[in-house]
Amino acid sequence: MTPNVLIDTDVILDVFLDREPHNKFSKAVMVSLGRKRFHGHITATIVVNVFYHVRKHLGKDTAIQCVRDLLNTKEIEIQAIDKIVLVSAFDSGMPDFEDAVQIMAAEVAGLDFIVTRNKRDFRASSVSVKSPEELLKELK
């Protein structure tokens, strides 16, 4: 069965901003997505965060192109962030509301994993969390 995976902002930014040394595994995750080794998911919040950070580092034109590329990636679905997700995240007691929103969106959508380099902030996740390296091993 092909897993459903929420791709966290940091993995996408590693690719778009070519952040070393993390870009190697993050790029491999995106290549695996393109090869349909897993079903990719993001939230609208991730799109907004990508735009903000790419614009800050590489300028508005590059940010627009990166978001366009992300939105045009057929292998990525955008998960809803609705009132249920927001209230659940708010009530979760997690210290980082943004991470809680990602977790709750993944939970509500029934996703199998969240892939992030920031596993420490996802310790309380109800959805299994893997680093890019761990996800790549899982997909073999």
C-alpha atoms as a PDB file:
ATOM      1  CA  MET A   1       0.000   0.000   0.000  1.00  0.00           C
ATOM      2  CA  THR A   2       1.308   3.431  -0.902  1.00  0.00           C
ATOM      3  CA  PRO A   3       1.583   5.630   2.225  1.00  0.00           C
ATOM      4  CA  ASN A   4       0.007   9.068   2.538  1.00  0.00           C
ATOM      5  CA  VAL A   5       2.558  11.558   3.838  1.00  0.00           C
ATOM      6  CA  LEU A   6       2.287  15.167   4.990  1.00  0.00           C
ATOM      7  CA  ILE A   7       5.444  16.935   3.840  1.00  0.00           C
ATOM      8  CA  ASP A   8       6.410  19.564   6.411  1.00  0.00           C
ATOM      9  CA  THR A   9       7.568  23.048   5.455  1.00  0.00           C
ATOM     10  CA  ASP A  10      11.205  22.435   6.350  1.00  0.00           C
ATOM     11  CA  VAL A  11      11.559  19.599   3.831  1.00  0.00           C
ATOM     12  CA  ILE A  12      10.149  21.734   1.017  1.00  0.00           C
ATOM     13  CA  LEU A  13      12.293  24.715   2.006  1.00  0.00           C
ATOM     14  CA  ASP A  14      15.402  22.530   2.038  1.00  0.00           C
ATOM     15  CA  VAL A  15      14.755  21.898  -1.642  1.00  0.00           C
ATOM     16  CA  PHE A  16      13.725  25.401  -2.727  1.00  0.00           C
ATOM     17  CA  LEU A  17      16.434  27.153  -0.706  1.00  0.00           C
ATOM     18  CA  ASP A  18      19.021  24.416  -1.356  1.00  0.00           C
ATOM     19  CA  ARG A  19      19.839  24.263   2.363  1.00  0.00           C
ATOM     20  CA  GLU A  20      22.862  22.110   3.039  1.00  0.00           C
ATOM     21  CA  PRO A  21      23.361  19.512   4.364  1.00  0.00           C
ATOM     22  CA  HIS A  22      19.621  18.763   4.542  1.00  0.00           C
ATOM     23  CA  ASN A  23      18.849  19.282   0.862  1.00  0.00           C
ATOM     24  CA  LYS A  24      20.239  15.856  -0.105  1.00  0.00           C
ATOM     25  CA  PHE A  25      17.607  13.839   1.763  1.00  0.00           C
ATOM     26  CA  SER A  26      14.822  16.365   1.210  1.00  0.00           C
ATOM     27  CA  LYS A  27      15.449  16.294  -2.552  1.00  0.00           C
ATOM     28  CA  ALA A  28      15.419  12.489  -2.433  1.00  0.00           C
ATOM     29  CA  VAL A  29      12.021  12.646  -0.699  1.00  0.00           C
ATOM     30  CA  MET A  30      10.676  14.844  -3.498  1.00  0.00           C
ATOM     31  CA  VAL A  31      12.153  12.528  -6.152  1.00  0.00           C
ATOM     32  CA  SER A  32      10.398   9.601  -4.427  1.00  0.00           C
ATOM     33  CA  LEU A  33       7.175  11.592  -4.537  1.00  0.00           C
ATOM     34  CA  GLY A  34       7.619  12.157  -8.269  1.00  0.00           C
ATOM     35  CA  ARG A  35       8.140   8.416  -8.692  1.00  0.00           C
ATOM     36  CA  LYS A  36       4.840   7.877  -6.842  1.00  0.00           C
ATOM     37  CA  ARG A  37       6.482   5.991  -3.970  1.00  0.00           C
ATOM     38  CA  PHE A  38       4.062   7.828  -1.649  1.00  0.00           C
ATOM     39  CA  HIS A  39       1.115  10.186  -1.870  1.00  0.00           C
ATOM     40  CA  GLY A  40       2.173  13.715  -0.899  1.00  0.00           C
ATOM     41  CA  HIS A  41       0.081  16.108   1.133  1.00  0.00           C
ATOM     42  CA  ILE A  42       0.566  19.647   2.386  1.00  0.00           C
ATOM     43  CA  THR A  43      -1.661  22.248   3.989  1.00  0.00           C
ATOM     44  CA  ALA A  44      -2.376  25.797   2.904  1.00  0.00           C
ATOM     45  CA  THR A  45      -0.306  26.942   5.871  1.00  0.00           C
ATOM     46  CA  ILE A  46       2.720  25.211   4.385  1.00  0.00           C
ATOM     47  CA  VAL A  47       2.193  27.027   1.085  1.00  0.00           C
ATOM     48  CA  VAL A  48       2.032  30.377   2.908  1.00  0.00           C
ATOM     49  CA  ASN A  49       5.169  29.575   4.914  1.00  0.00           C
ATOM     50  CA  VAL A  50       7.070  28.532   1.794  1.00  0.00           C
ATOM     51  CA  PHE A  51       6.148  31.784   0.065  1.00  0.00           C
ATOM     52  CA  TYR A  52       7.217  33.846   3.091  1.00  0.00           C
ATOM     53  CA  HIS A  53      10.612  32.174   3.537  1.00  0.00           C
ATOM     54  CA  VAL A  54      11.518  31.954  -0.141  1.00  0.00           C
ATOM     55  CA  ARG A  55      10.576  35.611  -0.651  1.00  0.00           C
ATOM     56  CA  LYS A  56      12.690  36.577   2.356  1.00  0.00           C
ATOM     57  CA  HIS A  57      15.761  34.702   1.057  1.00  0.00           C
ATOM     58  CA  LEU A  58      15.433  34.738  -2.724  1.00  0.00           C
ATOM     59  CA  GLY A  59      12.928  37.465  -3.578  1.00  0.00           C
ATOM     60  CA  LYS A  60       9.304  37.741  -4.576  1.00  0.00           C
ATOM     61  CA  ASP A  61       9.640  36.461  -8.156  1.00  0.00           C
ATOM     62  CA  THR A  62      11.348  33.274  -7.016  1.00  0.00           C
ATOM     63  CA  ALA A  63       8.768  32.822  -4.248  1.00  0.00           C
ATOM     64  CA  ILE A  64       5.950  33.116  -6.770  1.00  0.00           C
ATOM     65  CA  GLN A  65       7.578  30.522  -9.020  1.00  0.00           C
ATOM     66  CA  CYS A  66       8.224  28.126  -6.121  1.00  0.00           C
ATOM     67  CA  VAL A  67       4.613  28.331  -4.945  1.00  0.00           C
ATOM     68  CA  ARG A  68       3.408  27.866  -8.528  1.00  0.00           C
ATOM     69  CA  ASP A  69       5.617  24.789  -8.849  1.00  0.00           C
ATOM     70  CA  LEU A  70       4.322  23.429  -5.555  1.00  0.00           C
ATOM     71  CA  LEU A  71       0.677  24.011  -6.484  1.00  0.00           C
ATOM     72  CA  ASN A  72       1.191  22.469  -9.927  1.00  0.00           C
ATOM     73  CA  THR A  73       2.776  19.303  -8.547  1.00  0.00           C
ATOM     74  CA  LYS A  74       0.149  16.682  -9.389  1.00  0.00           C
ATOM     75  CA  GLU A  75       1.453  14.303  -6.742  1.00  0.00           C
ATOM     76  CA  ILE A  76       0.620  16.735  -3.916  1.00  0.00           C
ATOM     77  CA  GLU A  77      -2.830  17.211  -2.423  1.00  0.00           C
ATOM     78  CA  ILE A  78      -3.674  20.131  -0.166  1.00  0.00           C
ATOM     79  CA  GLN A  79      -5.360  19.147   3.077  1.00  0.00           C
ATOM     80  CA  ALA A  80      -8.060  21.351   4.556  1.00  0.00           C
ATOM     81  CA  ILE A  81      -7.526  23.434   7.620  1.00  0.00           C
ATOM     82  CA  ASP A  82     -11.020  24.001   8.907  1.00  0.00           C
ATOM     83  CA  LYS A  83     -12.574  24.844  12.242  1.00  0.00           C
ATOM     84  CA  ILE A  84     -12.311  21.248  13.484  1.00  0.00           C
ATOM     85  CA  VAL A  85      -8.578  21.159  12.739  1.00  0.00           C
ATOM     86  CA  LEU A  86      -7.948  24.575  14.302  1.00  0.00           C
ATOM     87  CA  VAL A  87      -9.938  23.888  17.479  1.00  0.00           C
ATOM     88  CA  SER A  88      -8.301  20.473  17.862  1.00  0.00           C
ATOM     89  CA  ALA A  89      -4.870  22.024  17.416  1.00  0.00           C
ATOM     90  CA  PHE A  90      -5.650  24.810  19.855  1.00  0.00           C
ATOM     91  CA  ASP A  91      -6.987  22.361  22.443  1.00  0.00           C
ATOM     92  CA  SER A  92      -4.089  19.922  21.976  1.00  0.00           C
ATOM     93  CA  GLY A  93      -1.886  21.764  24.465  1.00  0.00           C
ATOM     94  CA  MET A  94       1.083  21.544  22.115  1.00  0.00           C
ATOM     95  CA  PRO A  95       3.462  24.463  22.601  1.00  0.00           C
ATOM     96  CA  ASP A  96       3.738  25.249  18.868  1.00  0.00           C
ATOM     97  CA  PHE A  97       0.314  26.005  17.392  1.00  0.00           C
ATOM     98  CA  GLU A  98       1.577  25.795  13.806  1.00  0.00           C
ATOM     99  CA  ASP A  99       2.925  22.268  14.328  1.00  0.00           C
ATOM    100  CA  ALA A 100      -0.286  21.291  16.109  1.00  0.00           C
ATOM    101  CA  VAL A 101      -2.284  22.462  13.080  1.00  0.00           C
ATOM    102  CA  GLN A 102      -0.162  20.289  10.770  1.00  0.00           C
ATOM    103  CA  ILE A 103      -0.605  17.274  13.049  1.00  0.00           C
ATOM    104  CA  MET A 104      -4.357  17.717  13.346  1.00  0.00           C
ATOM    105  CA  ALA A 105      -4.750  18.236   9.585  1.00  0.00           C
ATOM    106  CA  ALA A 106      -2.806  15.005   9.004  1.00  0.00           C
ATOM    107  CA  GLU A 107      -4.854  13.176  11.628  1.00  0.00           C
ATOM    108  CA  VAL A 108      -8.219  14.351  10.274  1.00  0.00           C
ATOM    109  CA  ALA A 109      -7.146  13.343   6.742  1.00  0.00           C
ATOM    110  CA  GLY A 110      -6.041   9.906   7.987  1.00  0.00           C
ATOM    111  CA  LEU A 111      -2.468  10.307   6.754  1.00  0.00           C
ATOM    112  CA  ASP A 112       0.137   7.688   7.596  1.00  0.00           C
ATOM    113  CA  PHE A 113       3.183   9.867   8.286  1.00  0.00           C
ATOM    114  CA  ILE A 114       4.486  13.368   8.667  1.00  0.00           C
ATOM    115  CA  VAL A 115       7.951  13.872   7.207  1.00  0.00           C
ATOM    116  CA  THR A 116       9.951  16.615   8.898  1.00  0.00           C
ATOM    117  CA  ARG A 117      13.477  17.375  10.008  1.00  0.00           C
ATOM    118  CA  ASN A 118      12.035  18.820  13.183  1.00  0.00           C
ATOM    119  CA  LYS A 119      10.875  15.610  14.868  1.00  0.00           C
ATOM    120  CA  ARG A 120      11.424  17.045  18.332  1.00  0.00           C
ATOM    121  CA  ASP A 121       8.569  19.521  17.867  1.00  0.00           C
ATOM    122  CA  PHE A 122       6.278  16.692  16.776  1.00  0.00           C
ATOM    123  CA  ARG A 123       6.869  14.452  19.807  1.00  0.00           C
ATOM    124  CA  ALA A 124       3.230  14.651  20.865  1.00  0.00           C
ATOM    125  CA  SER A 125       1.966  13.801  17.384  1.00  0.00           C
ATOM    126  CA  SER A 126      -0.861  11.335  17.010  1.00  0.00           C
ATOM    127  CA  VAL A 127       0.446  10.687  13.474  1.00  0.00           C
ATOM    128  CA  SER A 128       3.720   8.823  13.010  1.00  0.00           C
ATOM    129  CA  VAL A 129       6.622  11.227  12.338  1.00  0.00           C
ATOM    130  CA  LYS A 130       9.685  10.400  10.273  1.00  0.00           C
ATOM    131  CA  SER A 131      12.759  12.295   9.209  1.00  0.00           C
ATOM    132  CA  PRO A 132      13.456  12.418   5.465  1.00  0.00           C
ATOM    133  CA  GLU A 133      16.090   9.699   5.941  1.00  0.00           C
ATOM    134  CA  GLU A 134      13.647   7.478   7.844  1.00  0.00           C
ATOM    135  CA  LEU A 135      10.935   7.934   5.254  1.00  0.00           C
ATOM    136  CA  LEU A 136      13.318   7.008   2.455  1.00  0.00           C
ATOM    137  CA  LYS A 137      14.282   3.809   4.312  1.00  0.00           C
ATOM    138  CA  GLU A 138      10.565   3.035   4.861  1.00  0.00           C
ATOM    139  CA  LEU A 139       9.892   3.388   1.134  1.00  0.00           C
ATOM    140  CA  LYS A 140      12.569   0.865   0.080  1.00  0.00           C
END
